[in-house]
């Protein structure tokens, strides 16, 4: 389960970076970044 969260977080961060450079998705890109950060934080909290 932990590795799945990291995979999702990495995919979302890559999507955010790609969208940042393309600038077609607008605010959706920033929502993806927030979701990725939350997924990483949940992974770190559950590990501890």
N, C-alpha and C. Protein backbone atom coordinates (compact mmCIF):
# COMPACT_ATOMS: atom_id res chain seq x y z
N UNK A 1 0.83 -1.19 0.00
CA UNK A 1 0.00 0.00 0.00
C UNK A 1 0.87 1.25 0.00
N UNK A 2 1.97 1.20 0.74
CA UNK A 2 2.85 2.35 0.85
C UNK A 2 3.48 2.68 -0.51
N UNK A 3 3.93 1.65 -1.22
CA UNK A 3 4.56 1.90 -2.52
C UNK A 3 3.54 2.42 -3.53
N UNK A 4 2.29 2.00 -3.38
CA UNK A 4 1.24 2.50 -4.28
C UNK A 4 1.05 4.00 -4.09
N UNK A 5 1.09 4.47 -2.85
CA UNK A 5 0.96 5.91 -2.59
C UNK A 5 2.11 6.67 -3.23
N UNK A 6 3.32 6.13 -3.13
CA UNK A 6 4.47 6.81 -3.72
C UNK A 6 4.37 6.83 -5.24
N UNK A 7 3.90 5.76 -5.84
CA UNK A 7 3.74 5.72 -7.29
C UNK A 7 2.72 6.75 -7.75
N UNK A 8 1.61 6.83 -7.03
CA UNK A 8 0.58 7.82 -7.37
C UNK A 8 1.13 9.23 -7.20
N UNK A 9 1.86 9.46 -6.12
CA UNK A 9 2.43 10.79 -5.87
C UNK A 9 3.41 11.18 -6.97
N UNK A 10 4.25 10.25 -7.39
CA UNK A 10 5.23 10.55 -8.44
C UNK A 10 4.52 10.84 -9.76
N UNK A 11 3.50 10.08 -10.08
CA UNK A 11 2.74 10.33 -11.31
C UNK A 11 2.09 11.70 -11.27
N UNK A 12 1.53 12.07 -10.12
CA UNK A 12 0.89 13.38 -10.00
C UNK A 12 1.90 14.52 -10.10
N UNK A 13 3.07 14.34 -9.51
CA UNK A 13 4.10 15.38 -9.60
C UNK A 13 4.58 15.52 -11.04
N UNK A 14 4.77 14.41 -11.73
CA UNK A 14 5.18 14.47 -13.13
C UNK A 14 4.10 15.17 -13.96
N UNK A 15 2.85 14.86 -13.69
CA UNK A 15 1.75 15.54 -14.39
C UNK A 15 1.73 17.03 -14.09
N UNK A 16 2.04 17.40 -12.84
CA UNK A 16 2.06 18.81 -12.47
C UNK A 16 3.18 19.54 -13.20
N UNK A 17 4.36 18.94 -13.24
CA UNK A 17 5.49 19.57 -13.93
C UNK A 17 5.20 19.70 -15.42
N UNK A 18 4.66 18.66 -16.01
CA UNK A 18 4.32 18.70 -17.44
C UNK A 18 3.28 19.79 -17.70
N UNK A 19 2.26 19.85 -16.88
CA UNK A 19 1.22 20.85 -17.03
C UNK A 19 1.71 22.26 -16.78
N UNK A 20 2.69 22.40 -15.89
CA UNK A 20 3.25 23.71 -15.60
C UNK A 20 3.92 24.29 -16.84
N UNK A 21 4.61 23.44 -17.58
CA UNK A 21 5.30 23.90 -18.77
C UNK A 21 4.36 24.06 -19.96
N UNK A 22 3.32 23.29 -20.01
CA UNK A 22 2.38 23.37 -21.13
C UNK A 22 1.34 24.47 -20.89
N UNK A 23 0.93 24.65 -19.62
CA UNK A 23 -0.02 25.69 -19.21
C UNK A 23 -1.38 25.60 -19.90
N UNK A 24 -1.88 24.41 -20.12
CA UNK A 24 -3.21 24.27 -20.72
C UNK A 24 -4.28 23.89 -19.71
N UNK A 25 -3.88 23.34 -18.57
CA UNK A 25 -4.87 22.82 -17.64
C UNK A 25 -5.25 23.82 -16.55
N UNK A 26 -4.54 24.91 -16.42
CA UNK A 26 -4.89 25.94 -15.44
C UNK A 26 -4.77 25.47 -14.01
N UNK A 27 -5.84 25.66 -13.22
CA UNK A 27 -5.81 25.35 -11.80
C UNK A 27 -5.76 23.87 -11.49
N UNK A 28 -6.13 23.02 -12.44
CA UNK A 28 -6.11 21.57 -12.21
C UNK A 28 -4.70 21.08 -11.88
N UNK A 29 -3.70 21.69 -12.47
CA UNK A 29 -2.32 21.29 -12.24
C UNK A 29 -1.94 21.50 -10.77
N UNK A 30 -2.36 22.60 -10.20
CA UNK A 30 -2.02 22.88 -8.81
C UNK A 30 -2.76 21.93 -7.87
N UNK A 31 -3.94 21.52 -8.25
CA UNK A 31 -4.68 20.54 -7.46
C UNK A 31 -3.94 19.20 -7.48
N UNK A 32 -3.37 18.84 -8.62
CA UNK A 32 -2.58 17.61 -8.71
C UNK A 32 -1.38 17.67 -7.78
N UNK A 33 -0.73 18.83 -7.71
CA UNK A 33 0.42 18.98 -6.83
C UNK A 33 0.01 18.82 -5.37
N UNK A 34 -1.09 19.41 -4.98
CA UNK A 34 -1.57 19.29 -3.60
C UNK A 34 -1.90 17.83 -3.27
N UNK A 35 -2.54 17.13 -4.18
CA UNK A 35 -2.87 15.72 -3.96
C UNK A 35 -1.59 14.89 -3.83
N UNK A 36 -0.58 15.19 -4.64
CA UNK A 36 0.68 14.46 -4.56
C UNK A 36 1.36 14.69 -3.22
N UNK A 37 1.35 15.92 -2.75
CA UNK A 37 1.98 16.22 -1.46
C UNK A 37 1.24 15.52 -0.33
N UNK A 38 -0.08 15.51 -0.39
CA UNK A 38 -0.87 14.82 0.64
C UNK A 38 -0.57 13.33 0.62
N UNK A 39 -0.45 12.75 -0.56
CA UNK A 39 -0.14 11.31 -0.66
C UNK A 39 1.23 11.02 -0.06
N UNK A 40 2.20 11.87 -0.31
CA UNK A 40 3.53 11.67 0.27
C UNK A 40 3.49 11.81 1.78
N UNK A 41 2.78 12.80 2.28
CA UNK A 41 2.68 12.99 3.72
C UNK A 41 1.98 11.80 4.39
N UNK A 42 0.94 11.29 3.77
CA UNK A 42 0.27 10.11 4.32
C UNK A 42 1.21 8.91 4.38
N UNK A 43 2.02 8.77 3.36
CA UNK A 43 3.00 7.67 3.34
C UNK A 43 4.03 7.81 4.45
N UNK A 44 4.49 9.03 4.68
CA UNK A 44 5.47 9.28 5.73
C UNK A 44 4.85 9.08 7.11
N UNK A 45 3.63 9.55 7.30
CA UNK A 45 2.95 9.42 8.58
C UNK A 45 2.66 7.95 8.89
N UNK A 46 2.23 7.21 7.91
CA UNK A 46 1.91 5.79 8.14
C UNK A 46 3.15 4.96 8.39
N UNK A 47 4.29 5.40 7.85
CA UNK A 47 5.54 4.68 8.07
C UNK A 47 6.01 4.84 9.52
N UNK A 48 5.79 6.01 10.10
CA UNK A 48 6.27 6.31 11.46
C UNK A 48 5.50 5.62 12.54
